Amino acid sequence: MPRCEETIYCPCSGTVEKVLTEKNNHVYEWEKLFLIKASNGNMVEISVGISGHITSLKVKDGQKVDVETALAVIKDDLLITGSD
């Protein structure tokens, strides 16, 4: 089975309000992983459309981030899931 790792990047500049997962956790598609307080004051929820295991966390609570900041790396389990 191929190994497929994806890096999750921050979509905005701001501050990590809360990291909602931990290294080695299994996460599901569209599960909230991070809360980012954007520079404009809005709260941005970060989730991704893949499921798998978090192999690396790159940020912590209170850290400043921008659109080029890697938040985490996830190893895709390559399982197709979802609901109507």
N, C-alpha and C. Protein backbone atom coordinates (compact mmCIF):
# COMPACT_ATOMS: atom_id res chain seq x y z
N MET A 1 0.86 -1.17 0.00
CA MET A 1 0.00 0.00 0.00
C MET A 1 0.90 1.24 0.00
N PRO A 2 0.61 2.22 -0.85
CA PRO A 2 1.44 3.43 -0.91
C PRO A 2 1.31 4.26 0.36
N ARG A 3 2.40 4.92 0.70
CA ARG A 3 2.41 5.81 1.87
C ARG A 3 2.19 7.22 1.35
N CYS A 4 1.15 7.85 1.83
CA CYS A 4 0.79 9.18 1.35
C CYS A 4 0.71 10.13 2.54
N GLU A 5 1.69 11.02 2.66
CA GLU A 5 1.67 12.01 3.72
C GLU A 5 1.35 13.38 3.14
N GLU A 6 0.51 14.11 3.84
CA GLU A 6 0.09 15.44 3.42
C GLU A 6 0.42 16.44 4.52
N THR A 7 0.97 17.57 4.12
CA THR A 7 1.22 18.65 5.07
C THR A 7 0.01 19.58 5.08
N ILE A 8 -0.42 19.94 6.26
CA ILE A 8 -1.54 20.86 6.44
C ILE A 8 -0.96 22.25 6.68
N TYR A 9 -1.31 23.20 5.80
CA TYR A 9 -0.82 24.56 5.91
C TYR A 9 -1.91 25.48 6.43
N CYS A 10 -1.50 26.52 7.12
CA CYS A 10 -2.44 27.51 7.64
C CYS A 10 -2.97 28.35 6.48
N PRO A 11 -4.28 28.60 6.42
CA PRO A 11 -4.86 29.37 5.33
C PRO A 11 -4.84 30.89 5.56
N CYS A 12 -4.35 31.33 6.73
CA CYS A 12 -4.40 32.75 7.05
C CYS A 12 -3.28 33.12 8.03
N SER A 13 -3.06 34.39 8.21
CA SER A 13 -2.12 34.87 9.22
C SER A 13 -2.88 35.07 10.53
N GLY A 14 -2.20 34.81 11.64
CA GLY A 14 -2.84 34.99 12.94
C GLY A 14 -2.09 34.27 14.02
N THR A 15 -2.84 33.76 15.00
CA THR A 15 -2.27 33.08 16.16
C THR A 15 -3.02 31.77 16.39
N VAL A 16 -2.29 30.71 16.70
CA VAL A 16 -2.92 29.43 17.03
C VAL A 16 -3.62 29.59 18.37
N GLU A 17 -4.93 29.54 18.33
CA GLU A 17 -5.73 29.65 19.55
C GLU A 17 -5.75 28.33 20.31
N LYS A 18 -5.92 27.21 19.55
CA LYS A 18 -6.00 25.90 20.19
C LYS A 18 -5.63 24.80 19.19
N VAL A 19 -4.74 23.91 19.62
CA VAL A 19 -4.44 22.69 18.86
C VAL A 19 -5.39 21.63 19.41
N LEU A 20 -6.24 21.06 18.55
CA LEU A 20 -7.30 20.15 18.99
C LEU A 20 -6.95 18.67 18.80
N THR A 21 -5.71 18.38 18.42
CA THR A 21 -5.28 17.01 18.21
C THR A 21 -3.89 16.83 18.80
N GLU A 22 -3.38 15.61 18.75
CA GLU A 22 -2.04 15.30 19.25
C GLU A 22 -1.33 14.41 18.25
N LYS A 23 -0.01 14.38 18.34
CA LYS A 23 0.78 13.50 17.49
C LYS A 23 0.32 12.06 17.72
N ASN A 24 0.27 11.30 16.65
CA ASN A 24 -0.14 9.88 16.61
C ASN A 24 -1.64 9.67 16.72
N ASN A 25 -2.44 10.73 16.89
CA ASN A 25 -3.90 10.58 16.90
C ASN A 25 -4.40 10.19 15.52
N HIS A 26 -5.44 9.38 15.49
CA HIS A 26 -6.16 9.14 14.24
C HIS A 26 -7.21 10.23 14.13
N VAL A 27 -7.30 10.84 12.96
CA VAL A 27 -8.30 11.89 12.74
C VAL A 27 -9.17 11.50 11.55
N TYR A 28 -10.38 12.00 11.55
CA TYR A 28 -11.35 11.71 10.51
C TYR A 28 -11.50 12.89 9.57
N GLU A 29 -12.02 12.60 8.37
CA GLU A 29 -12.26 13.68 7.40
C GLU A 29 -13.09 14.78 8.05
N TRP A 30 -12.68 16.01 7.82
CA TRP A 30 -13.38 17.22 8.26
C TRP A 30 -13.45 17.38 9.78
N GLU A 31 -12.68 16.59 10.53
CA GLU A 31 -12.58 16.79 11.97
C GLU A 31 -11.80 18.09 12.23
N LYS A 32 -12.25 18.89 13.19
CA LYS A 32 -11.54 20.12 13.53
C LYS A 32 -10.19 19.77 14.16
N LEU A 33 -9.12 20.35 13.61
CA LEU A 33 -7.78 20.06 14.10
C LEU A 33 -7.14 21.24 14.82
N PHE A 34 -7.44 22.45 14.34
CA PHE A 34 -6.84 23.67 14.90
C PHE A 34 -7.86 24.79 14.90
N LEU A 35 -7.75 25.69 15.87
CA LEU A 35 -8.48 26.95 15.86
C LEU A 35 -7.44 28.06 15.73
N ILE A 36 -7.60 28.90 14.73
CA ILE A 36 -6.68 30.00 14.47
C ILE A 36 -7.43 31.31 14.62
N LYS A 37 -6.89 32.22 15.42
CA LYS A 37 -7.46 33.57 15.50
C LYS A 37 -6.75 34.39 14.43
N ALA A 38 -7.48 34.68 13.36
CA ALA A 38 -6.91 35.40 12.22
C ALA A 38 -6.58 36.83 12.60
N SER A 39 -5.70 37.44 11.82
CA SER A 39 -5.27 38.83 12.06
C SER A 39 -6.45 39.80 12.09
N ASN A 40 -7.53 39.48 11.36
CA ASN A 40 -8.71 40.35 11.33
C ASN A 40 -9.65 40.11 12.51
N GLY A 41 -9.28 39.18 13.41
CA GLY A 41 -10.09 38.90 14.60
C GLY A 41 -11.03 37.73 14.46
N ASN A 42 -11.25 37.23 13.26
CA ASN A 42 -12.14 36.08 13.04
C ASN A 42 -11.49 34.79 13.53
N MET A 43 -12.31 33.86 14.01
CA MET A 43 -11.84 32.54 14.41
C MET A 43 -11.98 31.61 13.21
N VAL A 44 -10.90 30.94 12.84
CA VAL A 44 -10.88 30.04 11.69
C VAL A 44 -10.66 28.62 12.18
N GLU A 45 -11.58 27.72 11.81
CA GLU A 45 -11.45 26.30 12.15
C GLU A 45 -10.73 25.59 11.02
N ILE A 46 -9.69 24.84 11.35
CA ILE A 46 -8.91 24.13 10.34
C ILE A 46 -9.27 22.65 10.38
N SER A 47 -9.69 22.12 9.23
CA SER A 47 -9.94 20.70 9.06
C SER A 47 -9.54 20.33 7.64
N VAL A 48 -9.37 19.05 7.37
CA VAL A 48 -8.97 18.61 6.04
C VAL A 48 -9.85 17.45 5.59
N GLY A 49 -9.90 17.23 4.30
CA GLY A 49 -10.77 16.21 3.72
C GLY A 49 -10.13 14.84 3.60
N ILE A 50 -9.23 14.52 4.52
CA ILE A 50 -8.63 13.18 4.55
C ILE A 50 -8.66 12.66 5.98
N SER A 51 -8.59 11.35 6.10
CA SER A 51 -8.47 10.73 7.42
C SER A 51 -7.13 10.03 7.50
N GLY A 52 -6.63 9.88 8.70
CA GLY A 52 -5.34 9.22 8.88
C GLY A 52 -4.75 9.53 10.24
N HIS A 53 -3.44 9.37 10.35
CA HIS A 53 -2.74 9.58 11.61
C HIS A 53 -1.85 10.82 11.52
N ILE A 54 -1.88 11.61 12.58
CA ILE A 54 -1.02 12.78 12.68
C ILE A 54 0.39 12.27 12.97
N THR A 55 1.31 12.49 12.05
CA THR A 55 2.68 12.02 12.25
C THR A 55 3.57 13.10 12.83
N SER A 56 3.14 14.37 12.71
CA SER A 56 3.95 15.47 13.21
C SER A 56 3.08 16.70 13.44
N LEU A 57 3.24 17.33 14.59
CA LEU A 57 2.61 18.62 14.85
C LEU A 57 3.70 19.68 14.77
N LYS A 58 3.45 20.73 14.02
CA LYS A 58 4.47 21.75 13.77
C LYS A 58 4.25 23.03 14.57
N VAL A 59 3.09 23.19 15.23
CA VAL A 59 2.77 24.41 15.96
C VAL A 59 2.22 24.07 17.34
N LYS A 60 2.14 25.09 18.19
CA LYS A 60 1.56 24.92 19.52
C LYS A 60 0.67 26.11 19.83
N ASP A 61 -0.13 25.99 20.86
CA ASP A 61 -1.03 27.08 21.27
C ASP A 61 -0.24 28.37 21.47
N GLY A 62 -0.80 29.47 20.97
CA GLY A 62 -0.20 30.78 21.14
C GLY A 62 0.83 31.17 20.10
N GLN A 63 1.17 30.24 19.21
CA GLN A 63 2.19 30.51 18.19
C GLN A 63 1.64 31.38 17.07
N LYS A 64 2.43 32.33 16.59
CA LYS A 64 2.07 33.15 15.43
C LYS A 64 2.25 32.32 14.18
N VAL A 65 1.31 32.45 13.22
CA VAL A 65 1.35 31.70 11.97
C VAL A 65 1.01 32.62 10.81
N ASP A 66 1.37 32.18 9.60
CA ASP A 66 0.96 32.87 8.39
C ASP A 66 0.59 31.82 7.35
N VAL A 67 0.31 32.26 6.13
CA VAL A 67 -0.19 31.33 5.10
C VAL A 67 0.85 30.31 4.65
N GLU A 68 2.09 30.47 5.00
CA GLU A 68 3.12 29.50 4.63
C GLU A 68 3.51 28.59 5.79
N THR A 69 2.83 28.71 6.92
CA THR A 69 3.18 27.92 8.10
C THR A 69 2.58 26.52 8.01
N ALA A 70 3.43 25.50 8.14
CA ALA A 70 2.96 24.11 8.22
C ALA A 70 2.42 23.89 9.63
N LEU A 71 1.20 23.36 9.71
CA LEU A 71 0.57 23.11 11.01
C LEU A 71 0.82 21.68 11.48
N ALA A 72 0.74 20.73 10.55
CA ALA A 72 0.87 19.32 10.90
C ALA A 72 1.12 18.51 9.64
N VAL A 73 1.52 17.26 9.85
CA VAL A 73 1.64 16.30 8.75
C VAL A 73 0.73 15.12 9.11
N ILE A 74 -0.06 14.70 8.12
CA ILE A 74 -0.98 13.58 8.33
C ILE A 74 -0.66 12.48 7.32
N LYS A 75 -0.61 11.24 7.81
CA LYS A 75 -0.43 10.08 6.93
C LYS A 75 -1.82 9.59 6.56
N ASP A 76 -2.18 9.79 5.32
CA ASP A 76 -3.51 9.41 4.82
C ASP A 76 -3.69 7.91 4.93
N ASP A 77 -4.82 7.48 5.52
CA ASP A 77 -5.09 6.04 5.62
C ASP A 77 -5.72 5.51 4.33
N LEU A 78 -5.97 6.39 3.38
CA LEU A 78 -6.48 6.03 2.05
C LEU A 78 -7.83 5.33 2.10
N LEU A 79 -8.58 5.54 3.19
CA LEU A 79 -9.93 4.99 3.31
C LEU A 79 -10.94 6.04 2.85
N ILE A 80 -11.84 5.63 2.01
CA ILE A 80 -12.89 6.54 1.56
C ILE A 80 -14.05 6.44 2.54
N THR A 81 -14.35 7.58 3.18
CA THR A 81 -15.44 7.62 4.14
C THR A 81 -16.32 8.81 3.80
N GLY A 82 -17.37 8.97 4.53
CA GLY A 82 -18.25 10.11 4.30
C GLY A 82 -19.69 9.72 4.54
N SER A 83 -20.55 10.71 4.39
CA SER A 83 -21.97 10.48 4.56
C SER A 83 -22.74 11.45 3.70
N ASP A 84 -24.03 11.23 3.59
CA ASP A 84 -24.86 12.10 2.76
C ASP A 84 -25.09 13.43 3.43
